Amino acid sequence: MAPVAEKTDERRSATVSNLKAKLLEKIQAHRPRITKLVKEQGKIVIDQVTIDQCIGGARDVRCLVTDISYLDPQEGIRFRGKTIPETFAALPKVPGSEYPYVEAHWFFLMTGDVPTKEEALAIAEDFKSRAQVPRYVFDVLRAMPRDTHPMTMFSAAIVSMQRESLFAKRYAAGMKKTEYWDPMYEDCTNIMAKLPEIAAYIYRMKFKGDTPIASDPKLDLGGNFAHMMGFPKPYDDVARMYFILHSDHESGNVSAHATHLVASTLSDAYFALSAGINGLAGPLHGLANQEVLSWIQDVFKQLGGKLPTEEELKKFLWDTLNSGKVIPGYGHAVLRKTDPRYVSQMEFCQKNLPDYPMFKLVNMIYKLAPDILREHGKAKNPWPNVDAQSGVIQWYYGLTEYDFYTVLFGVGRALGVLTNITWDRALGYALERPKSVTTDMLEKWAAEGGRKVS
């Protein structure tokens, strides 16, 4: 068996060498830029902090660095400088699909370079070689009560694999700081390759009578996930679209920041990603999409179980706002326009489920809600975000278990946060440790018109 194993290792090495070589080249070119900024220009002021930012969750304080994505208030998310339409157009497509390989997006996020079709296929093969989930992970999941939340299971599965961490092993053995990125990259790639099967196993075990479906090694990541979930085409395209759209949203959101924060202690990727997934499970973050879908379905029920007229919907929206409630799925902490992720999903629906009543209702809300919210006057952003659309698509294709939606989000989000922590280690970013102040201090500075800097 040894010669076969050796040949497999050689093929795997050849498969990944192109990405890792490109990544190392990018890292070596980037490190001097960071060194210069810190040593020669480190005292240049780029922001100020106000009391409302201090108390209000550090909103808009510019104190994180990432080159993986940037969230522009007007343009929306840019992955490595490309908008969502530009990203989908540039990446190589899966044969027979209008959507790209998720593996190609991984290459793109890691390097900033658009991979060739051959490079995308090489990453797909590399992921397959790493995709086997250790048996003990399934044992951990099966030992948990069946009413455990899917996100608890997902997080537990990830952290249970920490014993596999190459970063932890090499750190314990001793390695140079300039080498940290290499085992971090290996851990992150190993995790990313396994997440689709872990997520699908949780779904089939918990919601489909404990009937897991074996992986199909002939398929790409998105196609194989749809297969393991038990959903026919075009759900494979839903998976590819969904994972790419949710992959990253710069570093300030909770799942990305929590992953970065824990990794900054030199915890390995298993600890760090599990922390990010726990943050994603909050109602103000990843759980929002299921809340939006529940609200849309309630609209149907309260309006007689049929598609309302525009006048009926206008009255319902006003009644919702006047009762002190919000219109779920509308507004965003940063964006000041329609979320491009919403637009991308809307275009998918227009092509694949144009007559679906829930999609028609979503479109009616999109037509009416922004003007109503502007007239109401309290919303900073009257436009829909990604959550206003995503649950409807899942429901249409038969994924009707609300609690699982955030697991889908988590698989996609892992693409970005794992890329980020690989680069964190490559560039030697420091342990994150903001300075706290007391309420007494804030009140004193407020009375004095600001903090006196000596």
Protein backbone atom coordinates (compact mmCIF):
# COMPACT_ATOMS: atom_id res chain seq x y z
CA MET A 1 0.00 0.00 0.00
CA ALA A 2 2.92 2.37 0.61
CA PRO A 3 3.66 3.13 -3.09
CA VAL A 4 -0.01 4.01 -3.68
CA ALA A 5 -0.02 6.31 -0.65
CA GLU A 6 3.18 7.95 -1.83
CA LYS A 7 1.71 8.60 -5.28
CA THR A 8 -1.41 10.08 -3.68
CA ASP A 9 0.76 12.40 -1.59
CA GLU A 10 2.71 13.41 -4.69
CA ARG A 11 -0.49 14.21 -6.59
CA ARG A 12 -1.81 16.20 -3.65
CA SER A 13 1.48 18.10 -3.38
CA ALA A 14 1.37 18.96 -7.08
CA THR A 15 -2.26 19.99 -6.76
CA VAL A 16 -1.70 22.53 -4.00
CA SER A 17 1.76 23.75 -4.92
CA ASN A 18 0.43 26.38 -7.33
CA LEU A 19 -1.87 28.03 -4.76
CA LYS A 20 0.62 27.79 -1.90
CA ALA A 21 3.44 29.08 -4.08
CA LYS A 22 1.29 32.01 -5.18
CA LEU A 23 0.22 32.62 -1.61
CA LEU A 24 3.82 32.64 -0.36
CA GLU A 25 4.77 35.05 -3.16
CA LYS A 26 1.92 37.37 -2.14
CA ILE A 27 2.86 37.13 1.55
CA GLN A 28 6.52 37.95 0.92
CA ALA A 29 5.53 40.98 -1.16
CA HIS A 30 3.03 42.18 1.45
CA ARG A 31 5.14 41.90 4.61
CA PRO A 32 7.41 44.89 3.82
CA ARG A 33 4.34 47.09 3.33
CA ILE A 34 3.12 46.28 6.85
CA THR A 35 6.59 46.78 8.34
CA LYS A 36 6.91 50.21 6.71
CA LEU A 37 3.45 51.32 7.85
CA VAL A 38 4.15 50.36 11.47
CA LYS A 39 7.73 51.58 11.74
CA GLU A 40 7.70 54.71 9.59
CA GLN A 41 4.06 55.83 9.51
CA GLY A 42 2.54 54.23 12.59
CA LYS A 43 1.64 57.47 14.39
CA ILE A 44 -0.44 58.93 11.57
CA VAL A 45 -4.03 59.46 12.77
CA ILE A 46 -6.70 57.73 10.64
CA ASP A 47 -9.75 58.07 12.90
CA GLN A 48 -11.17 59.43 16.13
CA VAL A 49 -13.45 57.75 18.66
CA THR A 50 -16.57 59.37 20.06
CA ILE A 51 -18.54 58.44 23.16
CA ASP A 52 -21.44 57.01 21.15
CA GLN A 53 -19.00 54.78 19.25
CA CYS A 54 -17.40 53.66 22.50
CA ILE A 55 -20.74 52.72 24.06
CA GLY A 56 -22.38 51.67 20.80
CA GLY A 57 -20.25 48.68 19.89
CA ALA A 58 -17.27 50.47 18.29
CA ARG A 59 -19.48 51.23 15.28
CA ASP A 60 -17.48 52.57 12.32
CA VAL A 61 -14.22 52.85 14.28
CA ARG A 62 -11.46 52.13 11.76
CA CYS A 63 -9.23 49.78 13.69
CA LEU A 64 -9.17 46.49 11.76
CA VAL A 65 -7.21 45.54 8.65
CA THR A 66 -8.21 43.04 5.99
CA ASP A 67 -7.56 42.87 2.27
CA ILE A 68 -9.97 40.00 1.67
CA SER A 69 -13.10 42.15 1.37
CA TYR A 70 -14.33 45.69 1.92
CA LEU A 71 -17.88 46.84 2.58
CA ASP A 72 -18.62 50.12 0.86
CA PRO A 73 -21.80 51.89 2.08
CA GLN A 74 -22.86 52.62 -1.53
CA GLU A 75 -21.39 49.75 -3.55
CA GLY A 76 -21.78 46.92 -1.08
CA ILE A 77 -19.24 44.17 -0.56
CA ARG A 78 -16.16 43.90 -2.73
CA PHE A 79 -14.23 40.65 -2.68
CA ARG A 80 -10.56 41.44 -3.33
CA GLY A 81 -11.67 44.63 -5.06
CA LYS A 82 -14.39 43.03 -7.21
CA THR A 83 -18.12 43.60 -6.77
CA ILE A 84 -20.42 40.60 -6.51
CA PRO A 85 -21.40 40.68 -10.22
CA GLU A 86 -17.73 41.08 -11.19
CA THR A 87 -16.77 38.16 -8.93
CA PHE A 88 -19.40 35.84 -10.39
CA ALA A 89 -18.42 36.88 -13.93
CA ALA A 90 -14.68 36.41 -13.40
CA LEU A 91 -14.50 33.05 -11.64
CA PRO A 92 -14.48 29.82 -13.69
CA LYS A 93 -17.87 28.13 -13.86
CA VAL A 94 -18.81 24.57 -13.04
CA PRO A 95 -19.70 22.73 -16.30
CA GLY A 96 -23.43 23.02 -16.97
CA SER A 97 -23.82 25.77 -14.36
CA GLU A 98 -23.97 29.55 -14.50
CA TYR A 99 -22.24 29.70 -11.13
CA PRO A 100 -18.55 29.38 -10.27
CA TYR A 101 -16.69 26.73 -8.35
CA VAL A 102 -16.71 27.60 -4.66
CA GLU A 103 -13.16 26.27 -4.70
CA ALA A 104 -12.25 28.96 -7.25
CA HIS A 105 -13.56 31.59 -4.84
CA TRP A 106 -11.28 30.14 -2.13
CA PHE A 107 -8.29 30.60 -4.44
CA PHE A 108 -9.43 34.14 -5.26
CA LEU A 109 -9.92 35.13 -1.62
CA MET A 110 -6.54 33.67 -0.66
CA THR A 111 -4.48 35.33 -3.39
CA GLY A 112 -6.49 38.13 -4.98
CA ASP A 113 -5.86 36.42 -8.33
CA VAL A 114 -8.68 34.99 -10.44
CA PRO A 115 -7.80 31.32 -10.95
CA THR A 116 -7.79 29.60 -14.29
CA LYS A 117 -10.15 26.68 -14.86
CA GLU A 118 -7.21 24.32 -14.30
CA GLU A 119 -6.31 26.01 -11.01
CA ALA A 120 -9.92 25.81 -9.85
CA LEU A 121 -10.04 22.10 -10.67
CA ALA A 122 -6.77 21.58 -8.80
CA ILE A 123 -8.23 23.17 -5.68
CA ALA A 124 -11.37 21.06 -6.08
CA GLU A 125 -9.21 17.93 -6.14
CA ASP A 126 -7.22 19.13 -3.15
CA PHE A 127 -10.41 19.69 -1.17
CA LYS A 128 -11.58 16.17 -2.03
CA SER A 129 -8.32 14.72 -0.74
CA ARG A 130 -8.88 16.49 2.59
CA ALA A 131 -12.65 16.05 2.87
CA GLN A 132 -12.93 12.85 4.91
CA VAL A 133 -14.40 13.68 8.29
CA PRO A 134 -12.92 11.75 11.25
CA ARG A 135 -15.29 9.11 12.58
CA TYR A 136 -15.16 10.54 16.09
CA VAL A 137 -16.81 13.78 14.86
CA PHE A 138 -19.93 11.83 13.95
CA ASP A 139 -19.73 10.07 17.33
CA VAL A 140 -19.69 13.48 19.06
CA LEU A 141 -22.72 14.62 17.06
CA ARG A 142 -24.65 11.43 17.70
CA ALA A 143 -23.99 11.70 21.44
CA MET A 144 -25.81 15.04 21.57
CA PRO A 145 -29.57 15.21 22.25
CA ARG A 146 -31.52 15.38 19.00
CA ASP A 147 -33.17 18.64 20.05
CA THR A 148 -29.75 20.35 20.23
CA HIS A 149 -29.64 23.42 17.98
CA PRO A 150 -27.85 22.71 14.65
CA MET A 151 -25.42 25.59 15.29
CA THR A 152 -24.41 24.00 18.61
CA MET A 153 -23.74 20.78 16.75
CA PHE A 154 -21.83 22.59 14.01
CA SER A 155 -19.61 24.47 16.46
CA ALA A 156 -19.00 21.35 18.54
CA ALA A 157 -18.04 19.34 15.45
CA ILE A 158 -15.48 21.97 14.45
CA VAL A 159 -13.84 22.30 17.85
CA SER A 160 -13.86 18.52 18.35
CA MET A 161 -11.37 18.28 15.46
CA GLN A 162 -8.84 20.52 17.22
CA ARG A 163 -6.68 17.47 17.91
CA GLU A 164 -5.95 17.44 14.16
CA SER A 165 -4.41 20.94 14.19
CA LEU A 166 -1.07 21.11 12.41
CA PHE A 167 -0.59 24.66 13.67
CA ALA A 168 -0.89 23.55 17.30
CA LYS A 169 1.55 20.68 16.75
CA ARG A 170 4.15 22.79 14.94
CA TYR A 171 3.82 25.65 17.43
CA ALA A 172 4.43 23.24 20.30
CA ALA A 173 7.47 21.83 18.49
CA GLY A 174 8.80 25.34 17.79
CA MET A 175 8.71 27.29 14.54
CA LYS A 176 9.56 30.78 13.31
CA LYS A 177 6.85 33.45 13.25
CA THR A 178 7.36 33.79 9.51
CA GLU A 179 6.26 30.15 9.15
CA TYR A 180 2.99 30.48 11.10
CA TRP A 181 0.96 30.99 7.95
CA ASP A 182 1.86 27.58 6.50
CA PRO A 183 0.27 25.26 9.11
CA MET A 184 -2.55 27.80 9.55
CA TYR A 185 -3.25 27.51 5.81
CA GLU A 186 -3.20 23.71 6.10
CA ASP A 187 -5.62 23.74 9.04
CA CYS A 188 -7.94 26.19 7.32
CA THR A 189 -7.99 24.19 4.09
CA ASN A 190 -8.58 20.94 5.97
CA ILE A 191 -11.50 22.49 7.85
CA MET A 192 -13.05 24.08 4.76
CA ALA A 193 -12.92 20.81 2.87
CA LYS A 194 -14.79 19.00 5.66
CA LEU A 195 -17.49 21.54 6.54
CA PRO A 196 -19.98 20.62 3.77
CA GLU A 197 -20.14 16.98 4.86
CA ILE A 198 -20.39 17.93 8.54
CA ALA A 199 -23.23 20.36 7.81
CA ALA A 200 -25.09 17.88 5.59
CA TYR A 201 -24.67 15.11 8.17
CA ILE A 202 -26.19 17.31 10.88
CA TYR A 203 -29.13 18.08 8.61
CA ARG A 204 -29.84 14.48 7.59
CA MET A 205 -29.34 13.14 11.12
CA LYS A 206 -31.50 15.76 12.82
CA PHE A 207 -34.25 16.47 10.28
CA LYS A 208 -34.35 13.55 7.82
CA GLY A 209 -34.73 10.48 10.01
CA ASP A 210 -31.01 9.93 10.55
CA THR A 211 -30.34 9.08 6.88
CA PRO A 212 -26.92 10.48 5.95
CA ILE A 213 -25.98 10.45 2.26
CA ALA A 214 -22.44 9.52 1.31
CA SER A 215 -20.23 12.04 -0.44
CA ASP A 216 -19.84 11.85 -4.23
CA PRO A 217 -16.17 12.44 -5.09
CA LYS A 218 -17.03 13.27 -8.70
CA LEU A 219 -18.76 16.51 -7.69
CA ASP A 220 -17.49 19.97 -6.82
CA LEU A 221 -18.04 21.37 -3.32
CA GLY A 222 -21.39 23.01 -4.10
CA GLY A 223 -22.70 20.09 -6.11
CA ASN A 224 -21.59 17.56 -3.52
CA PHE A 225 -23.21 19.54 -0.70
CA ALA A 226 -26.54 19.53 -2.55
CA HIS A 227 -26.13 15.79 -3.14
CA MET A 228 -25.39 15.06 0.54
CA MET A 229 -28.34 17.22 1.61
CA GLY A 230 -30.59 15.21 -0.70
CA PHE A 231 -31.74 18.09 -2.91
CA PRO A 232 -31.79 17.79 -6.72
CA LYS A 233 -30.71 20.42 -9.24
CA PRO A 234 -30.74 23.39 -9.28
CA TYR A 235 -30.04 23.33 -5.54
CA ASP A 236 -26.39 22.79 -6.42
CA ASP A 237 -26.45 26.30 -7.90
CA VAL A 238 -28.23 27.59 -4.79
CA ALA A 239 -25.36 26.21 -2.70
CA ARG A 240 -22.65 27.72 -4.91
CA MET A 241 -24.36 31.10 -4.96
CA TYR A 242 -25.18 31.06 -1.25
CA PHE A 243 -21.68 30.10 -0.07
CA ILE A 244 -19.97 32.72 -2.24
CA LEU A 245 -22.41 35.49 -1.32
CA HIS A 246 -22.01 34.82 2.41
CA SER A 247 -18.27 34.21 2.35
CA ASP A 248 -17.03 37.49 3.80
CA HIS A 249 -18.28 40.91 4.83
CA GLU A 250 -15.03 42.56 5.95
CA SER A 251 -13.64 42.03 9.45
CA GLY A 252 -15.97 44.07 11.65
CA ASN A 253 -18.97 41.74 11.66
CA VAL A 254 -19.20 39.43 14.66
CA SER A 255 -18.37 36.09 13.03
CA ALA A 256 -15.34 37.50 11.24
CA HIS A 257 -14.15 39.55 14.19
CA ALA A 258 -14.61 36.73 16.71
CA THR A 259 -12.62 34.35 14.50
CA HIS A 260 -9.87 36.96 14.07
CA LEU A 261 -9.87 37.85 17.78
CA VAL A 262 -9.45 34.27 18.98
CA ALA A 263 -6.83 33.53 16.32
CA SER A 264 -4.88 36.61 17.43
CA THR A 265 -4.03 34.70 20.64
CA LEU A 266 -2.34 32.11 18.37
CA SER A 267 -5.19 29.71 18.97
CA ASP A 268 -5.48 27.43 15.97
CA ALA A 269 -8.15 27.61 13.28
CA TYR A 270 -10.41 25.03 14.98
CA PHE A 271 -10.75 27.10 18.16
CA ALA A 272 -11.04 30.34 16.20
CA LEU A 273 -13.67 29.22 13.69
CA SER A 274 -15.78 27.62 16.40
CA ALA A 275 -15.83 31.00 18.17
CA GLY A 276 -16.88 32.74 14.96
CA ILE A 277 -19.67 30.22 14.41
CA ASN A 278 -20.91 30.84 17.97
CA GLY A 279 -21.12 34.56 17.17
CA LEU A 280 -22.95 33.85 13.93
CA ALA A 281 -25.63 32.04 15.93
CA GLY A 282 -26.87 35.30 17.46
CA PRO A 283 -30.27 36.74 16.43
CA LEU A 284 -28.61 40.03 15.45
CA HIS A 285 -26.24 38.21 13.07
CA GLY A 286 -26.75 34.90 11.28
CA LEU A 287 -30.12 33.97 12.76
CA ALA A 288 -31.73 37.02 11.16
CA ASN A 289 -32.59 35.21 7.92
CA GLN A 290 -34.92 32.73 9.62
CA GLU A 291 -36.62 35.58 11.48
CA VAL A 292 -37.29 37.34 8.17
CA LEU A 293 -38.79 34.22 6.61
CA SER A 294 -41.01 33.66 9.64
CA TRP A 295 -42.24 37.24 9.37
CA ILE A 296 -42.98 36.90 5.62
CA GLN A 297 -45.01 33.78 6.30
CA ASP A 298 -46.88 35.60 9.07
CA VAL A 299 -47.74 38.36 6.58
CA PHE A 300 -49.44 35.74 4.40
CA LYS A 301 -51.38 34.36 7.36
CA GLN A 302 -52.49 37.74 8.67
CA LEU A 303 -53.60 38.86 5.21
CA GLY A 304 -55.80 35.85 4.61
CA GLY A 305 -53.33 33.31 3.21
CA LYS A 306 -53.18 34.93 -0.21
CA LEU A 307 -50.99 37.44 -2.02
CA PRO A 308 -52.15 40.86 -0.77
CA THR A 309 -52.91 43.87 -2.91
CA GLU A 310 -50.46 46.76 -2.75
CA GLU A 311 -52.89 48.75 -0.61
CA GLU A 312 -53.33 45.87 1.83
CA LEU A 313 -49.57 45.45 2.09
CA LYS A 314 -49.00 49.19 2.57
CA LYS A 315 -51.44 49.20 5.48
CA PHE A 316 -49.79 46.13 6.99
CA LEU A 317 -46.31 47.70 6.74
CA TRP A 318 -47.52 50.95 8.33
CA ASP A 319 -49.30 49.04 11.08
CA THR A 320 -46.08 47.14 11.76
CA LEU A 321 -44.03 50.35 12.07
CA ASN A 322 -46.65 52.23 14.06
CA SER A 323 -46.77 49.41 16.59
CA GLY A 324 -43.09 50.01 17.32
CA LYS A 325 -41.82 47.01 15.36
CA VAL A 326 -39.39 46.93 12.44
CA ILE A 327 -39.69 45.51 8.94
CA PRO A 328 -37.37 42.49 9.14
CA GLY A 329 -34.69 42.27 6.47
CA TYR A 330 -34.57 46.02 5.92
CA GLY A 331 -31.69 48.21 7.05
CA HIS A 332 -28.00 47.51 7.49
CA ALA A 333 -25.29 48.75 9.85
CA VAL A 334 -23.06 49.92 6.99
CA LEU A 335 -24.91 49.74 3.66
CA ARG A 336 -26.94 52.69 2.44
CA LYS A 337 -28.40 51.02 -0.65
CA THR A 338 -29.95 47.71 -1.64
CA ASP A 339 -27.60 44.93 -0.59
CA PRO A 340 -26.00 43.49 -3.77
CA ARG A 341 -26.34 40.05 -2.18
CA TYR A 342 -30.10 40.63 -2.13
CA VAL A 343 -30.00 41.63 -5.80
CA SER A 344 -28.04 38.53 -6.76
CA GLN A 345 -30.56 36.26 -5.05
CA MET A 346 -33.46 38.21 -6.55
CA GLU A 347 -32.05 37.61 -10.04
CA PHE A 348 -31.81 33.88 -9.26
CA CYS A 349 -35.46 33.87 -8.16
CA GLN A 350 -36.60 35.79 -11.23
CA LYS A 351 -35.10 33.06 -13.37
CA ASN A 352 -35.92 29.96 -11.32
CA LEU A 353 -39.05 30.69 -9.25
CA PRO A 354 -40.72 33.81 -10.71
CA ASP A 355 -44.28 32.70 -9.89
CA TYR A 356 -43.64 31.51 -6.33
CA PRO A 357 -46.08 33.44 -4.11
CA MET A 358 -43.54 34.10 -1.36
CA PHE A 359 -41.08 35.52 -3.90
CA LYS A 360 -43.86 37.71 -5.32
CA LEU A 361 -44.56 38.98 -1.81
CA VAL A 362 -40.84 39.68 -1.26
CA ASN A 363 -40.83 41.70 -4.49
CA MET A 364 -43.94 43.63 -3.39
CA ILE A 365 -42.29 44.46 -0.07
CA TYR A 366 -39.18 45.60 -1.96
CA LYS A 367 -41.36 47.85 -4.13
CA LEU A 368 -43.23 49.45 -1.22
CA ALA A 369 -41.12 49.27 1.94
CA PRO A 370 -38.29 51.72 1.07
CA ASP A 371 -40.70 54.64 0.43
CA ILE A 372 -42.67 53.82 3.57
CA LEU A 373 -39.50 53.60 5.67
CA ARG A 374 -38.27 56.94 4.27
CA GLU A 375 -41.60 58.55 5.09
CA HIS A 376 -41.54 56.99 8.54
CA GLY A 377 -38.17 58.65 8.99
CA LYS A 378 -36.48 56.47 11.58
CA ALA A 379 -34.53 54.05 9.36
CA LYS A 380 -31.03 55.13 8.35
CA ASN A 381 -31.16 52.65 5.49
CA PRO A 382 -34.60 51.84 3.98
CA TRP A 383 -33.23 49.15 1.66
CA PRO A 384 -33.25 45.34 1.97
CA ASN A 385 -30.26 43.35 3.15
CA VAL A 386 -29.27 39.79 2.27
CA ASP A 387 -31.65 38.26 4.83
CA ALA A 388 -34.74 39.70 3.13
CA GLN A 389 -34.44 37.10 0.35
CA SER A 390 -32.32 34.13 1.37
CA GLY A 391 -34.81 32.13 3.45
CA VAL A 392 -37.43 32.20 0.69
CA ILE A 393 -35.06 30.38 -1.68
CA GLN A 394 -34.27 27.67 0.86
CA TRP A 395 -37.96 27.14 1.63
CA TYR A 396 -38.87 26.87 -2.04
CA TYR A 397 -36.37 24.05 -2.61
CA GLY A 398 -37.60 22.09 0.40
CA LEU A 399 -35.21 23.17 3.13
CA THR A 400 -37.94 24.22 5.53
CA GLU A 401 -36.12 23.77 8.83
CA TYR A 402 -35.46 27.33 10.01
CA ASP A 403 -32.84 26.37 12.57
CA PHE A 404 -30.55 24.99 9.88
CA TYR A 405 -30.33 28.17 7.82
CA THR A 406 -27.52 29.63 9.89
CA VAL A 407 -25.44 26.49 9.40
CA LEU A 408 -25.59 27.21 5.66
CA PHE A 409 -24.44 30.74 6.44
CA GLY A 410 -21.61 29.28 8.54
CA VAL A 411 -20.27 27.09 5.74
CA GLY A 412 -20.11 30.12 3.45
CA ARG A 413 -18.71 32.49 6.07
CA ALA A 414 -15.87 30.05 6.77
CA LEU A 415 -14.45 30.78 3.31
CA GLY A 416 -13.70 34.37 4.27
CA VAL A 417 -12.79 34.10 7.94
CA LEU A 418 -10.40 31.19 7.38
CA THR A 419 -8.70 33.13 4.60
CA ASN A 420 -8.43 36.13 6.90
CA ILE A 421 -6.72 34.28 9.74
CA THR A 422 -4.28 32.69 7.31
CA TRP A 423 -3.24 36.20 6.29
CA ASP A 424 -3.27 37.37 9.93
CA ARG A 425 -0.54 34.85 10.68
CA ALA A 426 1.30 35.58 7.44
CA LEU A 427 1.58 39.27 8.30
CA GLY A 428 2.20 38.78 12.00
CA TYR A 429 -0.80 40.76 13.21
CA ALA A 430 -0.72 41.31 16.95
CA LEU A 431 -2.79 39.98 19.81
CA GLU A 432 -5.89 42.18 19.81
CA ARG A 433 -6.27 44.11 23.06
CA PRO A 434 -8.34 47.34 23.01
CA LYS A 435 -8.21 49.70 26.00
CA SER A 436 -11.31 50.05 28.16
CA VAL A 437 -12.55 53.12 30.02
CA THR A 438 -15.10 53.61 32.79
CA THR A 439 -18.45 55.41 32.66
CA ASP A 440 -17.03 57.94 35.13
CA MET A 441 -14.23 58.70 32.69
CA LEU A 442 -16.68 59.19 29.82
CA GLU A 443 -18.85 61.53 31.90
CA LYS A 444 -15.78 63.54 32.98
CA TRP A 445 -14.52 63.89 29.40
CA ALA A 446 -18.02 64.77 28.19
CA ALA A 447 -18.21 67.59 30.75
CA GLU A 448 -14.78 68.82 29.68
CA GLY A 449 -15.62 68.70 25.99
CA GLY A 450 -13.29 65.81 25.30
CA ARG A 451 -10.34 63.92 26.68
CA LYS A 452 -7.24 66.00 27.19
CA VAL A 453 -4.31 64.22 25.59
CA SER A 454 -1.02 64.94 27.35
